[in-house]
Amino acid sequence: MNDLIKKQLQDAQANMDKAIDHCEAELTKIRAGKASAGMLDGIFVDYYGSATGLSQVASINTPDARTILVQPWEKNMLVPIERAIMEANIGINPQNDGVVIRLVVPPLTEERRRDLVKKVKEEAERGKITIRNIRKDANEKIKKLKAESVSDDEIKTGEGEVQKITDAYIIKVDKHAEAKEKDIMTV
């Protein structure tokens, strides 16, 4: 196989790896009834005038399956952290005891579980779309190699390889989504 085509295949694979990582990260943010520090990813606190990630201004622990403890490194950050958690609208009300903020994760209702499964499916579909777009870009780049004296047969072979890689990554997305759905639906 032509070196130029191999380079395109490697680029496509690297981009698809990034897409899988992103999809996994998004799926971890969807709560499955168990407390996890990942539920608070993406929450930013006003820290002396700049938006700072919650994990940068406090330690986040999960002492048990239903509780998240947020302990700020500076006591004056309790109220801003509490406000940021409420504004993030993650479905959990923070309890401030003056030292730490406790988040008690309520058990999921059947209806809420179904909603979360829909969210998982939407996220998985976004991941698949990203992977398909990467495939399209890789195929276009491979077709442009014709100008650099790459034969039609090599271009066809390259496109076939891109399709094999794409299929493998779409299966990975499906497996991640399936695992998350199972996790959500398990009572």
C-alpha atoms as a PDB file:
ATOM      1  CA  MET A   1       0.000   0.000   0.000  1.00  0.00           C
ATOM      2  CA  ASN A   2       1.161   3.513  -0.806  1.00  0.00           C
ATOM      3  CA  ASP A   3       2.837   5.483   2.040  1.00  0.00           C
ATOM      4  CA  LEU A   4       0.570   8.492   1.445  1.00  0.00           C
ATOM      5  CA  ILE A   5      -2.504   6.303   1.904  1.00  0.00           C
ATOM      6  CA  LYS A   6      -1.008   4.728   5.043  1.00  0.00           C
ATOM      7  CA  LYS A   7      -0.501   8.237   6.447  1.00  0.00           C
ATOM      8  CA  GLN A   8      -4.171   9.094   5.801  1.00  0.00           C
ATOM      9  CA  LEU A   9      -5.253   5.849   7.496  1.00  0.00           C
ATOM     10  CA  GLN A  10      -3.109   6.639  10.553  1.00  0.00           C
ATOM     11  CA  ASP A  11      -4.526  10.170  10.743  1.00  0.00           C
ATOM     12  CA  ALA A  12      -8.084   8.851  10.474  1.00  0.00           C
ATOM     13  CA  GLN A  13      -7.427   6.284  13.186  1.00  0.00           C
ATOM     14  CA  ALA A  14      -5.912   8.907  15.519  1.00  0.00           C
ATOM     15  CA  ASN A  15      -8.926  11.188  14.999  1.00  0.00           C
ATOM     16  CA  MET A  16     -11.331   8.299  15.622  1.00  0.00           C
ATOM     17  CA  ASP A  17      -9.471   7.488  18.860  1.00  0.00           C
ATOM     18  CA  LYS A  18     -10.067  11.086  19.958  1.00  0.00           C
ATOM     19  CA  ALA A  19     -13.754  10.780  19.015  1.00  0.00           C
ATOM     20  CA  ILE A  20     -14.065   7.602  21.120  1.00  0.00           C
ATOM     21  CA  ASP A  21     -12.358   9.308  24.086  1.00  0.00           C
ATOM     22  CA  HIS A  22     -14.733  12.258  23.803  1.00  0.00           C
ATOM     23  CA  CYS A  23     -17.749   9.962  23.558  1.00  0.00           C
ATOM     24  CA  GLU A  24     -16.594   8.049  26.671  1.00  0.00           C
ATOM     25  CA  ALA A  25     -16.132  11.313  28.562  1.00  0.00           C
ATOM     26  CA  GLU A  26     -19.629  12.471  27.626  1.00  0.00           C
ATOM     27  CA  LEU A  27     -21.121   9.120  28.650  1.00  0.00           C
ATOM     28  CA  THR A  28     -19.443   9.285  32.075  1.00  0.00           C
ATOM     29  CA  LYS A  29     -21.177  12.591  32.732  1.00  0.00           C
ATOM     30  CA  ILE A  30     -24.554  10.869  32.476  1.00  0.00           C
ATOM     31  CA  ARG A  31     -25.310   9.633  35.966  1.00  0.00           C
ATOM     32  CA  ALA A  32     -26.365   6.064  36.537  1.00  0.00           C
ATOM     33  CA  GLY A  33     -27.802   6.368  40.042  1.00  0.00           C
ATOM     34  CA  LYS A  34     -24.386   5.963  41.650  1.00  0.00           C
ATOM     35  CA  ALA A  35     -22.392   8.898  42.954  1.00  0.00           C
ATOM     36  CA  SER A  36     -19.251   9.684  40.973  1.00  0.00           C
ATOM     37  CA  ALA A  37     -16.909  12.651  40.945  1.00  0.00           C
ATOM     38  CA  GLY A  38     -17.304  12.717  37.145  1.00  0.00           C
ATOM     39  CA  MET A  39     -20.852  14.015  37.602  1.00  0.00           C
ATOM     40  CA  LEU A  40     -19.367  17.356  38.615  1.00  0.00           C
ATOM     41  CA  ASP A  41     -17.046  17.641  35.606  1.00  0.00           C
ATOM     42  CA  GLY A  42     -17.930  20.665  33.565  1.00  0.00           C
ATOM     43  CA  ILE A  43     -19.079  22.713  36.570  1.00  0.00           C
ATOM     44  CA  PHE A  44     -17.215  25.998  36.818  1.00  0.00           C
ATOM     45  CA  VAL A  45     -17.000  28.231  39.892  1.00  0.00           C
ATOM     46  CA  ASP A  46     -16.389  31.976  39.985  1.00  0.00           C
ATOM     47  CA  TYR A  47     -12.940  31.998  41.624  1.00  0.00           C
ATOM     48  CA  TYR A  48     -11.775  35.577  42.133  1.00  0.00           C
ATOM     49  CA  GLY A  49     -13.371  36.736  38.905  1.00  0.00           C
ATOM     50  CA  SER A  50     -12.447  33.838  36.623  1.00  0.00           C
ATOM     51  CA  ALA A  51     -14.387  30.683  35.794  1.00  0.00           C
ATOM     52  CA  THR A  52     -12.436  27.795  37.307  1.00  0.00           C
ATOM     53  CA  GLY A  53     -13.224  24.076  37.231  1.00  0.00           C
ATOM     54  CA  LEU A  54     -14.729  22.765  40.468  1.00  0.00           C
ATOM     55  CA  SER A  55     -11.954  20.194  40.847  1.00  0.00           C
ATOM     56  CA  GLN A  56      -9.436  23.088  40.857  1.00  0.00           C
ATOM     57  CA  VAL A  57     -10.931  24.774  43.950  1.00  0.00           C
ATOM     58  CA  ALA A  58     -12.086  21.786  46.011  1.00  0.00           C
ATOM     59  CA  SER A  59     -11.482  18.123  46.679  1.00  0.00           C
ATOM     60  CA  ILE A  60     -14.273  15.846  45.499  1.00  0.00           C
ATOM     61  CA  ASN A  61     -14.819  12.478  47.208  1.00  0.00           C
ATOM     62  CA  THR A  62     -17.434   9.743  47.105  1.00  0.00           C
ATOM     63  CA  PRO A  63     -17.565   8.169  50.590  1.00  0.00           C
ATOM     64  CA  ASP A  64     -20.387   5.837  49.520  1.00  0.00           C
ATOM     65  CA  ALA A  65     -22.485   4.979  46.450  1.00  0.00           C
ATOM     66  CA  ARG A  66     -25.063   7.714  47.154  1.00  0.00           C
ATOM     67  CA  THR A  67     -22.982  10.658  48.441  1.00  0.00           C
ATOM     68  CA  ILE A  68     -20.507  13.121  46.947  1.00  0.00           C
ATOM     69  CA  LEU A  69     -18.506  15.325  49.306  1.00  0.00           C
ATOM     70  CA  VAL A  70     -17.098  18.612  48.000  1.00  0.00           C
ATOM     71  CA  GLN A  71     -14.565  20.166  50.347  1.00  0.00           C
ATOM     72  CA  PRO A  72     -13.277  23.575  49.225  1.00  0.00           C
ATOM     73  CA  TRP A  73      -9.652  24.446  49.899  1.00  0.00           C
ATOM     74  CA  GLU A  74     -10.765  27.930  50.944  1.00  0.00           C
ATOM     75  CA  LYS A  75     -13.727  28.242  53.304  1.00  0.00           C
ATOM     76  CA  ASN A  76     -15.014  31.386  51.551  1.00  0.00           C
ATOM     77  CA  MET A  77     -15.602  29.284  48.396  1.00  0.00           C
ATOM     78  CA  LEU A  78     -18.469  27.271  49.981  1.00  0.00           C
ATOM     79  CA  VAL A  79     -21.253  29.586  48.786  1.00  0.00           C
ATOM     80  CA  PRO A  80     -19.920  30.105  45.211  1.00  0.00           C
ATOM     81  CA  ILE A  81     -19.462  26.321  44.836  1.00  0.00           C
ATOM     82  CA  GLU A  82     -22.963  25.668  46.142  1.00  0.00           C
ATOM     83  CA  ARG A  83     -24.381  28.269  43.729  1.00  0.00           C
ATOM     84  CA  ALA A  84     -22.436  26.787  40.770  1.00  0.00           C
ATOM     85  CA  ILE A  85     -23.769  23.285  41.529  1.00  0.00           C
ATOM     86  CA  MET A  86     -27.352  24.578  41.679  1.00  0.00           C
ATOM     87  CA  GLU A  87     -26.932  26.542  38.431  1.00  0.00           C
ATOM     88  CA  ALA A  88     -25.463  23.456  36.703  1.00  0.00           C
ATOM     89  CA  ASN A  89     -28.891  21.841  37.118  1.00  0.00           C
ATOM     90  CA  ILE A  90     -27.616  18.287  37.589  1.00  0.00           C
ATOM     91  CA  GLY A  91     -30.748  17.316  39.526  1.00  0.00           C
ATOM     92  CA  ILE A  92     -29.105  17.261  42.956  1.00  0.00           C
ATOM     93  CA  ASN A  93     -29.517  19.857  45.693  1.00  0.00           C
ATOM     94  CA  PRO A  94     -26.303  20.652  47.572  1.00  0.00           C
ATOM     95  CA  GLN A  95     -26.344  20.616  51.387  1.00  0.00           C
ATOM     96  CA  ASN A  96     -23.881  23.083  52.901  1.00  0.00           C
ATOM     97  CA  ASP A  97     -22.916  22.392  56.537  1.00  0.00           C
ATOM     98  CA  GLY A  98     -20.326  25.174  56.797  1.00  0.00           C
ATOM     99  CA  VAL A  99     -17.355  22.861  56.204  1.00  0.00           C
ATOM    100  CA  VAL A 100     -18.255  20.628  53.252  1.00  0.00           C
ATOM    101  CA  ILE A 101     -20.985  20.438  50.645  1.00  0.00           C
ATOM    102  CA  ARG A 102     -22.839  17.131  50.566  1.00  0.00           C
ATOM    103  CA  LEU A 103     -24.616  15.961  47.449  1.00  0.00           C
ATOM    104  CA  VAL A 104     -26.971  13.034  48.041  1.00  0.00           C
ATOM    105  CA  VAL A 105     -27.684  11.257  44.759  1.00  0.00           C
ATOM    106  CA  PRO A 106     -31.333  10.163  44.749  1.00  0.00           C
ATOM    107  CA  PRO A 107     -32.210   6.726  43.385  1.00  0.00           C
ATOM    108  CA  LEU A 108     -33.416   6.896  39.790  1.00  0.00           C
ATOM    109  CA  THR A 109     -37.061   6.389  38.908  1.00  0.00           C
ATOM    110  CA  GLU A 110     -37.986   4.149  35.972  1.00  0.00           C
ATOM    111  CA  GLU A 111     -39.001   7.199  33.903  1.00  0.00           C
ATOM    112  CA  ARG A 112     -35.729   8.991  34.663  1.00  0.00           C
ATOM    113  CA  ARG A 113     -33.789   5.852  33.697  1.00  0.00           C
ATOM    114  CA  ARG A 114     -35.519   5.794  30.301  1.00  0.00           C
ATOM    115  CA  ASP A 115     -34.701   9.485  29.782  1.00  0.00           C
ATOM    116  CA  LEU A 116     -31.056   8.816  30.616  1.00  0.00           C
ATOM    117  CA  VAL A 117     -30.973   5.877  28.185  1.00  0.00           C
ATOM    118  CA  LYS A 118     -32.282   8.241  25.470  1.00  0.00           C
ATOM    119  CA  LYS A 119     -29.468  10.643  26.361  1.00  0.00           C
ATOM    120  CA  VAL A 120     -26.942   7.805  26.084  1.00  0.00           C
ATOM    121  CA  LYS A 121     -28.296   6.884  22.644  1.00  0.00           C
ATOM    122  CA  GLU A 122     -28.105  10.522  21.504  1.00  0.00           C
ATOM    123  CA  GLU A 123     -24.509  10.785  22.707  1.00  0.00           C
ATOM    124  CA  ALA A 124     -23.590   7.501  20.992  1.00  0.00           C
ATOM    125  CA  GLU A 125     -25.173   8.747  17.762  1.00  0.00           C
ATOM    126  CA  ARG A 126     -23.119  11.955  18.012  1.00  0.00           C
ATOM    127  CA  GLY A 127     -20.003   9.818  18.383  1.00  0.00           C
ATOM    128  CA  LYS A 128     -20.943   7.746  15.323  1.00  0.00           C
ATOM    129  CA  ILE A 129     -21.602  10.881  13.272  1.00  0.00           C
ATOM    130  CA  THR A 130     -18.183  12.236  14.238  1.00  0.00           C
ATOM    131  CA  ILE A 131     -16.548   8.959  13.187  1.00  0.00           C
ATOM    132  CA  ARG A 132     -18.436   8.961   9.870  1.00  0.00           C
ATOM    133  CA  ASN A 133     -17.302  12.544   9.216  1.00  0.00           C
ATOM    134  CA  ILE A 134     -13.713  11.485   9.871  1.00  0.00           C
ATOM    135  CA  ARG A 135     -14.229   8.638   7.366  1.00  0.00           C
ATOM    136  CA  LYS A 136     -15.578  11.094   4.786  1.00  0.00           C
ATOM    137  CA  ASP A 137     -12.603  13.434   5.253  1.00  0.00           C
ATOM    138  CA  ALA A 138     -10.129  10.547   5.004  1.00  0.00           C
ATOM    139  CA  ASN A 139     -11.772   9.269   1.795  1.00  0.00           C
ATOM    140  CA  GLU A 140     -11.671  12.748   0.262  1.00  0.00           C
ATOM    141  CA  LYS A 141      -7.976  13.095   1.107  1.00  0.00           C
ATOM    142  CA  ILE A 142      -7.257   9.661  -0.358  1.00  0.00           C
ATOM    143  CA  LYS A 143      -9.103  10.583  -3.594  1.00  0.00           C
ATOM    144  CA  LYS A 144      -6.995  13.755  -3.855  1.00  0.00           C
ATOM    145  CA  LEU A 145      -3.876  11.565  -3.863  1.00  0.00           C
ATOM    146  CA  LYS A 146      -4.717  10.671  -7.474  1.00  0.00           C
ATOM    147  CA  ALA A 147      -3.010  13.948  -8.404  1.00  0.00           C
ATOM    148  CA  GLU A 148       0.156  12.594  -6.774  1.00  0.00           C
ATOM    149  CA  SER A 149       0.227   9.591  -9.115  1.00  0.00           C
ATOM    150  CA  VAL A 150      -1.466   7.087  -6.805  1.00  0.00           C
ATOM    151  CA  SER A 151      -3.244   4.387  -8.826  1.00  0.00           C
ATOM    152  CA  ASP A 152      -7.018   3.891  -8.786  1.00  0.00           C
ATOM    153  CA  ASP A 153      -6.586   0.405  -7.319  1.00  0.00           C
ATOM    154  CA  GLU A 154      -4.547   1.770  -4.403  1.00  0.00           C
ATOM    155  CA  ILE A 155      -7.181   4.465  -3.821  1.00  0.00           C
ATOM    156  CA  LYS A 156      -9.944   1.816  -3.757  1.00  0.00           C
ATOM    157  CA  THR A 157      -7.893  -0.319  -1.346  1.00  0.00           C
ATOM    158  CA  GLY A 158      -7.325   2.732   0.880  1.00  0.00           C
ATOM    159  CA  GLU A 159     -11.031   3.545   0.932  1.00  0.00           C
ATOM    160  CA  GLY A 160     -11.766  -0.079   1.858  1.00  0.00           C
ATOM    161  CA  GLU A 161      -9.315   0.138   4.757  1.00  0.00           C
ATOM    162  CA  VAL A 162     -10.917   3.395   5.939  1.00  0.00           C
ATOM    163  CA  GLN A 163     -14.298   1.628   5.927  1.00  0.00           C
ATOM    164  CA  LYS A 164     -12.899  -1.293   7.989  1.00  0.00           C
ATOM    165  CA  ILE A 165     -11.468   1.132  10.555  1.00  0.00           C
ATOM    166  CA  THR A 166     -14.768   3.053  10.658  1.00  0.00           C
ATOM    167  CA  ASP A 167     -16.770  -0.131  11.241  1.00  0.00           C
ATOM    168  CA  ALA A 168     -14.473  -1.136  14.105  1.00  0.00           C
ATOM    169  CA  TYR A 169     -14.828   2.252  15.802  1.00  0.00           C
ATOM    170  CA  ILE A 170     -18.612   2.329  15.413  1.00  0.00           C
ATOM    171  CA  ILE A 171     -18.719  -1.068  17.142  1.00  0.00           C
ATOM    172  CA  LYS A 172     -16.630   0.444  19.980  1.00  0.00           C
ATOM    173  CA  VAL A 173     -19.119   3.307  20.366  1.00  0.00           C
ATOM    174  CA  ASP A 174     -21.991   0.802  20.447  1.00  0.00           C
ATOM    175  CA  LYS A 175     -20.235  -1.252  23.139  1.00  0.00           C
ATOM    176  CA  HIS A 176     -19.645   1.820  25.324  1.00  0.00           C
ATOM    177  CA  ALA A 177     -23.265   2.917  24.914  1.00  0.00           C
ATOM    178  CA  GLU A 178     -24.549  -0.598  25.626  1.00  0.00           C
ATOM    179  CA  ALA A 179     -22.460  -0.818  28.812  1.00  0.00           C
ATOM    180  CA  LYS A 180     -23.728   2.585  29.977  1.00  0.00           C
ATOM    181  CA  GLU A 181     -27.358   1.638  29.229  1.00  0.00           C
ATOM    182  CA  LYS A 182     -26.945  -1.567  31.222  1.00  0.00           C
ATOM    183  CA  ASP A 183     -25.416   0.442  34.067  1.00  0.00           C
ATOM    184  CA  ILE A 184     -28.356   2.882  34.059  1.00  0.00           C
ATOM    185  CA  MET A 185     -31.064   0.226  33.859  1.00  0.00           C
ATOM    186  CA  THR A 186     -29.540  -1.875  36.665  1.00  0.00           C
ATOM    187  CA  VAL A 187     -31.482  -1.118  39.836  1.00  0.00           C
END
